[in-house]
Protein backbone atom coordinates (compact mmCIF):
# COMPACT_ATOMS: atom_id res chain seq x y z
CA MET A 1 -15.10 -30.23 -31.10
CA ALA A 2 -14.21 -32.89 -28.50
CA LEU A 3 -11.06 -30.97 -27.58
CA LEU A 4 -12.97 -27.75 -26.86
CA LYS A 5 -14.49 -28.92 -23.54
CA PRO A 6 -11.18 -29.67 -21.78
CA LEU A 7 -9.76 -26.44 -23.24
CA THR A 8 -12.74 -24.54 -21.85
CA PHE A 9 -12.21 -26.10 -18.42
CA ALA A 10 -8.51 -25.19 -18.51
CA LEU A 11 -9.25 -21.57 -19.44
CA ARG A 12 -11.78 -21.28 -16.62
CA ALA A 13 -9.30 -22.71 -14.11
CA LEU A 14 -6.58 -20.31 -15.28
CA SER A 15 -9.03 -17.40 -15.13
CA THR A 16 -9.98 -18.27 -11.54
CA LEU A 17 -6.31 -18.51 -10.55
CA ALA A 18 -5.63 -15.16 -12.19
CA PHE A 19 -8.46 -13.47 -10.26
CA VAL A 20 -7.07 -14.98 -7.04
CA ALA A 21 -3.61 -13.71 -8.03
CA VAL A 22 -4.96 -10.14 -8.23
CA GLY A 23 -5.95 -10.34 -4.57
CA ALA A 24 -2.60 -11.92 -3.69
CA VAL A 25 -0.68 -9.08 -5.41
CA LEU A 26 -2.57 -6.53 -3.31
CA LEU A 27 -2.32 -8.49 -0.04
CA VAL A 28 1.46 -8.99 -0.31
CA ALA A 29 1.84 -5.22 0.12
CA LEU A 30 0.61 -5.65 3.71
CA LEU A 31 3.25 -8.24 4.74
CA PRO A 32 6.07 -5.71 5.52
CA LEU A 33 3.72 -3.99 8.01
CA PHE A 34 3.79 -7.06 10.29
CA SER A 35 6.52 -7.07 12.92
CA ASP A 36 9.52 -9.29 12.05
CA ALA A 37 7.67 -10.62 8.98
CA GLY A 38 10.94 -11.02 7.08
CA SER A 39 12.25 -13.48 9.66
CA TYR A 40 9.95 -16.20 8.30
CA PRO A 41 11.55 -17.98 5.33
CA TRP A 42 8.34 -18.32 3.33
CA VAL A 43 7.52 -14.63 3.84
CA ALA A 44 11.02 -13.68 2.68
CA GLN A 45 10.56 -15.82 -0.45
CA VAL A 46 7.16 -14.25 -1.17
CA LEU A 47 8.56 -10.73 -0.72
CA SER A 48 11.57 -11.57 -2.94
CA PHE A 49 9.32 -12.93 -5.69
CA ASP A 50 7.01 -9.92 -5.32
CA ALA A 51 9.97 -7.52 -5.61
CA THR A 52 11.10 -9.33 -8.78
CA LEU A 53 7.64 -8.92 -10.34
CA ILE A 54 7.46 -5.23 -9.40
CA ASP A 55 10.97 -4.64 -10.79
CA GLY A 56 9.89 -6.33 -14.01
CA VAL A 57 6.93 -3.95 -14.29
CA ARG A 58 9.17 -0.94 -13.59
CA SER A 59 11.60 -2.04 -16.29
CA ALA A 60 8.77 -2.37 -18.81
CA VAL A 61 6.73 0.78 -18.20
CA PRO A 62 7.14 4.07 -16.29
CA THR A 63 5.50 3.65 -12.89
CA ARG A 64 6.43 6.78 -10.92
CA LEU A 65 4.40 10.00 -11.04
CA GLY A 66 6.04 12.54 -8.77
CA ALA A 67 6.08 10.97 -5.31
CA LEU A 68 3.53 8.33 -6.31
CA GLU A 69 4.61 4.80 -7.27
CA PHE A 70 2.16 2.73 -9.35
CA GLY A 71 4.23 -0.41 -9.93
CA ARG A 72 1.98 -2.64 -7.84
CA ALA A 73 -1.19 -1.12 -9.32
CA PHE A 74 0.06 -1.79 -12.86
CA LEU A 75 0.93 -5.38 -11.93
CA ALA A 76 -2.54 -5.96 -10.43
CA LEU A 77 -4.22 -4.41 -13.49
CA GLY A 78 -2.13 -6.58 -15.82
CA VAL A 79 -3.08 -9.77 -13.98
CA PHE A 80 -6.74 -8.67 -13.86
CA PHE A 81 -6.75 -7.99 -17.62
CA GLY A 82 -5.28 -11.44 -18.23
CA ALA A 83 -8.00 -13.00 -16.06
CA VAL A 84 -10.72 -11.17 -18.02
CA VAL A 85 -9.25 -12.34 -21.35
CA LEU A 86 -9.11 -15.96 -20.13
CA ASP A 87 -12.66 -15.77 -18.78
CA TYR A 88 -13.93 -14.37 -22.07
CA GLY A 89 -12.15 -17.13 -23.97
CA ALA A 90 -13.75 -19.78 -21.75
CA TYR A 91 -17.19 -18.19 -22.23
CA THR A 92 -16.78 -18.17 -26.03
CA LEU A 93 -15.71 -21.81 -26.17
CA SER A 94 -18.54 -22.78 -23.83
CA ALA A 95 -21.04 -21.17 -26.21
CA LEU A 96 -19.63 -23.18 -29.12
CA THR A 97 -19.86 -26.48 -27.25
CA SER A 98 -23.37 -26.10 -25.80
CA LYS A 99 -25.93 -28.91 -26.17
CA SER A 100 -27.89 -27.04 -28.83
CA GLY A 101 -24.97 -27.39 -31.25
CA GLY A 102 -21.97 -25.21 -31.93
CA ARG A 103 -22.74 -23.60 -35.27
CA PRO A 104 -26.43 -22.75 -34.62
CA LYS A 105 -25.55 -21.36 -31.21
CA TYR A 106 -22.78 -19.21 -32.68
CA ALA A 107 -25.05 -18.06 -35.52
CA ARG A 108 -27.80 -17.02 -33.10
CA TRP A 109 -25.27 -15.16 -30.95
CA LYS A 110 -23.84 -13.36 -33.97
CA LYS A 111 -27.31 -12.44 -35.24
CA HIS A 112 -28.26 -11.10 -31.79
CA ALA A 113 -25.07 -9.02 -31.65
CA ARG A 114 -25.85 -7.47 -35.04
CA LYS A 115 -29.38 -6.63 -33.87
CA ARG A 116 -28.05 -4.79 -30.86
CA LYS A 117 -25.69 -2.74 -33.02
CA LYS A 118 -28.34 -1.89 -35.63
CA PRO A 119 -29.92 1.53 -34.94
CA PRO A 120 -33.71 1.73 -34.75
CA ALA A 121 -35.52 2.59 -37.98
CA SER A 122 -37.15 5.60 -36.43
CA ALA A 123 -36.77 7.21 -33.08
CA PRO A 124 -39.88 7.70 -30.94
CA THR A 125 -41.33 11.15 -31.07
CA ALA A 126 -42.98 13.25 -28.47
CA PRO A 127 -46.72 14.12 -28.79
CA ASN A 128 -45.86 17.48 -30.38
CA GLY A 129 -43.64 15.78 -32.97
CA ALA A 130 -40.32 16.90 -31.44
CA GLN A 131 -37.54 14.43 -30.84
CA PRO A 132 -37.04 13.65 -27.11
CA LYS A 133 -33.74 14.53 -25.53
CA GLN A 134 -31.34 11.66 -24.85
CA THR A 135 -30.54 11.91 -21.15
CA ASP A 136 -28.92 8.49 -20.73
CA LYS A 137 -25.69 9.43 -22.48
CA LYS A 138 -23.39 12.19 -21.26
CA SER A 139 -21.55 14.33 -23.74
CA ARG A 140 -17.77 14.18 -23.95
CA GLU A 141 -17.58 17.77 -22.72
CA GLU A 142 -19.59 16.89 -19.61
CA LEU A 143 -17.36 13.92 -18.83
CA VAL A 144 -14.23 16.04 -19.24
CA ARG A 145 -15.70 18.71 -16.96
CA GLN A 146 -16.47 16.12 -14.26
CA MET A 147 -12.99 14.65 -14.56
CA VAL A 148 -11.38 18.09 -14.15
CA GLU A 149 -13.53 18.83 -11.11
CA ALA A 150 -12.64 15.47 -9.55
CA LYS A 151 -8.95 16.15 -10.21
CA ARG A 152 -9.22 19.54 -8.51
CA GLU A 153 -10.92 18.01 -5.48
CA LEU A 154 -8.21 15.34 -5.20
CA ASP A 155 -5.46 17.95 -5.55
CA ALA A 156 -7.10 20.00 -2.81
CA MET A 157 -6.86 16.97 -0.51
CA THR A 158 -3.07 16.63 -0.93
CA LYS A 159 -0.97 17.72 2.02
CA ASP A 160 2.69 17.79 3.05
CA VAL A 161 3.03 15.39 5.97
CA ALA A 162 5.72 13.22 7.59
CA PHE A 163 5.64 9.67 8.91
CA LEU A 164 7.47 8.05 11.82
CA ALA A 165 7.70 4.26 11.75
CA LEU A 166 9.01 2.58 14.91
CA ASP A 167 9.42 -1.04 15.90
CA VAL A 168 10.71 -2.92 18.96
CA VAL A 169 13.80 -4.94 18.00
CA GLU A 170 13.52 -8.74 18.44
CA SER A 171 10.20 -8.33 20.25
CA THR A 172 9.33 -12.02 19.81
CA ASN A 173 12.56 -13.22 21.42
CA MET A 174 12.11 -10.74 24.27
CA LYS A 175 8.94 -12.53 25.35
CA LEU A 176 10.41 -16.04 25.39
CA GLY A 177 10.52 -17.50 28.90
CA GLU A 178 9.02 -14.37 30.47
CA ASP A 179 6.03 -14.22 32.78
CA GLN A 180 2.99 -13.23 30.72
CA ALA A 181 2.05 -10.56 33.26
CA PHE A 182 5.48 -8.94 32.86
CA VAL A 183 5.16 -9.04 29.07
CA GLU A 184 1.74 -7.41 29.13
CA HIS A 185 2.89 -4.79 31.63
CA ASP A 186 6.04 -3.83 29.76
CA PHE A 187 4.56 -3.52 26.28
CA LYS A 188 1.57 -1.56 27.57
CA ALA A 189 3.91 0.73 29.51
CA PHE A 190 6.11 1.13 26.40
CA LYS A 191 3.12 2.19 24.29
CA ASN A 192 2.03 4.66 26.98
CA MET A 193 5.55 6.10 27.13
CA VAL A 194 5.68 6.55 23.35
CA ASP A 195 2.20 8.07 23.22
CA GLU A 196 3.09 10.53 25.99
CA VAL A 197 6.32 11.63 24.32
CA VAL A 198 4.84 11.82 20.82
CA ALA A 199 1.78 13.77 22.00
CA LYS A 200 4.01 16.80 22.60
CA GLU A 201 4.55 17.03 18.83
CA ARG A 202 0.79 16.95 18.10
CA PRO A 203 0.56 13.94 15.75
CA LEU A 204 -2.24 13.95 13.18
CA LYS A 205 -3.02 10.23 13.46
CA SER A 206 -1.36 6.92 14.32
CA ALA A 207 -1.75 3.17 14.03
CA TRP A 208 -0.22 0.60 16.38
CA THR A 209 0.78 -3.00 15.79
CA PRO A 210 1.51 -5.19 18.84
CA ASP A 211 5.18 -4.12 18.77
CA GLY A 212 5.38 -0.92 16.75
CA ALA A 213 3.58 2.05 15.25
CA MET A 214 3.20 4.30 12.21
CA ILE A 215 2.56 7.92 13.21
CA CYS A 216 1.70 10.87 10.96
CA PHE A 217 2.83 14.48 11.65
CA ASP A 218 2.32 17.78 9.87
CA SER A 219 6.06 18.32 9.39
CA LEU A 220 9.33 16.41 9.10
CA ASP A 221 10.79 18.36 12.02
CA ARG A 222 8.00 17.20 14.37
CA ALA A 223 8.45 13.56 13.30
CA VAL A 224 12.21 13.73 13.92
CA ARG A 225 11.79 15.46 17.28
CA ALA A 226 9.28 12.82 18.40
CA ALA A 227 11.62 9.96 17.44
CA GLN A 228 14.61 11.55 19.19
CA ALA A 229 12.62 12.36 22.33
CA MET A 230 11.37 8.77 22.53
CA LEU A 231 14.90 7.33 22.18
CA ARG A 232 16.21 9.75 24.81
CA GLN A 233 13.48 8.54 27.17
CA LEU A 234 14.16 4.86 26.44
CA PRO A 235 17.10 4.33 28.90
CA ALA A 236 14.99 5.67 31.80
CA PHE A 237 12.13 3.41 30.76
CA ASN A 238 14.38 0.35 30.66
CA SER A 239 15.92 1.09 34.07
CA GLY A 240 12.85 2.30 35.91
CA THR A 241 9.76 0.70 34.32
CA ARG A 242 10.75 -2.48 32.49
CA MET A 243 10.20 -5.76 34.32
CA MET A 244 11.34 -8.26 31.66
CA GLN A 245 14.99 -9.30 31.51
CA THR A 246 15.68 -7.97 28.01
CA PRO A 247 15.75 -4.17 27.60
CA PHE A 248 13.67 -2.49 24.92
CA ARG A 249 15.54 -1.37 21.79
CA VAL A 250 13.76 0.50 19.05
CA ARG A 251 14.37 1.11 15.34
CA CYS A 252 12.94 4.32 13.82
CA GLY A 253 12.44 5.42 10.23
CA VAL A 254 11.18 8.83 9.13
CA ASN A 255 10.03 10.06 5.73
CA ALA A 256 7.98 12.96 4.38
CA GLY A 257 6.11 13.83 1.21
CA ARG A 258 2.97 15.24 -0.33
CA VAL A 259 0.14 12.70 -0.08
CA GLN A 260 -3.63 12.62 -0.44
CA TYR A 261 -4.71 13.27 3.13
CA ASP A 262 -8.18 12.92 4.62
CA ALA A 263 -8.57 13.56 8.33
CA ASP A 264 -11.37 10.98 8.52
CA THR A 265 -9.28 8.18 6.99
CA PRO A 266 -7.59 6.00 9.67
CA MET A 267 -3.81 5.75 9.56
CA GLU A 268 -3.95 2.02 8.82
CA ALA A 269 -6.12 2.71 5.75
CA MET A 270 -3.67 5.21 4.21
CA SER A 271 -1.47 3.94 1.39
CA ASP A 272 1.33 5.93 -0.22
CA ASN A 273 4.94 5.49 -1.30
CA ALA A 274 6.00 7.99 1.37
CA ILE A 275 4.61 5.65 4.05
CA ASP A 276 6.33 2.64 2.48
CA ILE A 277 9.71 4.41 2.52
CA ALA A 278 9.30 5.33 6.21
CA GLY A 279 8.63 1.66 6.96
CA HIS A 280 11.69 0.57 4.96
CA MET A 281 13.89 3.13 6.74
CA GLN A 282 12.75 1.66 10.06
CA LYS A 283 13.31 -1.90 8.85
CA TYR A 284 16.97 -1.29 8.00
CA ALA A 285 17.78 1.08 10.87
CA ASP A 286 20.20 0.03 13.61
CA PRO A 287 18.76 -0.46 17.11
CA ASP A 288 18.03 2.82 18.93
CA THR A 289 18.64 4.97 15.84
CA VAL A 290 16.60 7.08 13.43
CA PHE A 291 17.06 6.62 9.67
CA VAL A 292 16.07 9.44 7.29
CA ALA A 293 16.91 10.03 3.62
CA GLU A 294 19.96 12.30 3.42
CA ASP A 295 18.43 14.35 0.60
CA LEU A 296 15.30 14.95 2.69
CA ILE A 297 17.37 16.17 5.64
CA ARG A 298 19.23 18.58 3.36
CA ARG A 299 16.17 19.91 1.50
CA ARG A 300 14.06 20.39 4.65
CA LYS A 301 17.08 21.83 6.54
CA VAL A 302 16.69 19.52 9.52
CA LYS A 303 19.77 20.05 11.68
CA ARG A 304 19.43 17.68 14.63
CA GLY A 305 22.69 15.75 14.88
CA PHE A 306 22.29 13.52 11.81
CA THR A 307 25.37 12.05 10.17
CA PRO A 308 25.84 9.98 6.98
CA ALA A 309 25.04 6.30 7.56
CA ASP A 310 27.05 4.94 4.58
CA THR A 311 24.04 2.90 3.45
CA GLU A 312 21.12 3.17 1.04
CA VAL A 313 17.42 2.34 1.43
CA ASP A 314 15.15 2.26 -1.62
CA GLY A 315 17.89 4.04 -3.58
CA TYR A 316 18.20 6.91 -1.06
CA SER A 317 21.42 7.70 0.81
CA VAL A 318 20.64 7.58 4.53
CA SER A 319 21.43 9.92 7.41
CA VAL A 320 21.34 8.52 10.94
CA TRP A 321 20.80 9.89 14.42
CA ARG A 322 21.90 7.62 17.27
CA GLY A 323 20.10 7.61 20.60
CA PRO A 324 21.89 7.25 23.98
CA SER A 325 21.42 3.47 24.02
CA ALA A 326 23.02 3.08 20.59
CA ARG A 327 26.31 4.75 21.48
């Protein structure tokens, strides 16, 4: 009995760490959205360890349903289940080691559990002698009906959209040694230039970081046209508007897919594998180029000067379009 108290403490500590780990698993998914996050050694190590965990989940269970990837969700659920098991174990041991004595406490708990399971001797009757209807429990048929209706509503919210991810190359180094007024002017002017060019393709929604953006369109062709128009405008911006010494260079990644789309949901609150792939395409793109999956270009019949890039991103062969500044 003396060993149960330290064991209880250890289980509670592990349970707390496991609950914290659930939040960490979900928060790590946000790190790639920060500009130049991979340039920090500790971030790179966290992302590498996270990728190893996700790969382990994918090797153990199927995680892809159509265009949806549930690897991270399964990992978070697994850690959460482990935390619940540890917490329950700590609670059980704590009950056995309470001041009132282990065996009596356990006996009372067991007796109480049996009482709860035991059905009442007779159900209450209504004044006319009829049995009252049980309204606190839904039938299996009702639950199935509600589930089907919810599934139909979710399916009705799915929509074919495309995403353009763009990021200013080496934005941190660009600002070193520069006058703060020049920095503020140039990055504000850059955002205005991008917004003006992209507006012609009627984007559905967008979200900006200090040095980049994720923009949603209703078609792959619009996303590609917006990226190409922005890169064509970039040389004029650098020669006529920029005040800092270092010219702006931009990486672009484009992807498309069928996602659950709600017009009232902000771009930064959307989460889907299609968005992740667009971000990864941008991350590995060369300066002043657009990266798109080769298979997507072929299936959607986008003919806008793309050529094979001889590289892969997330298992997809990549096609590249090079802007004037990249040639």
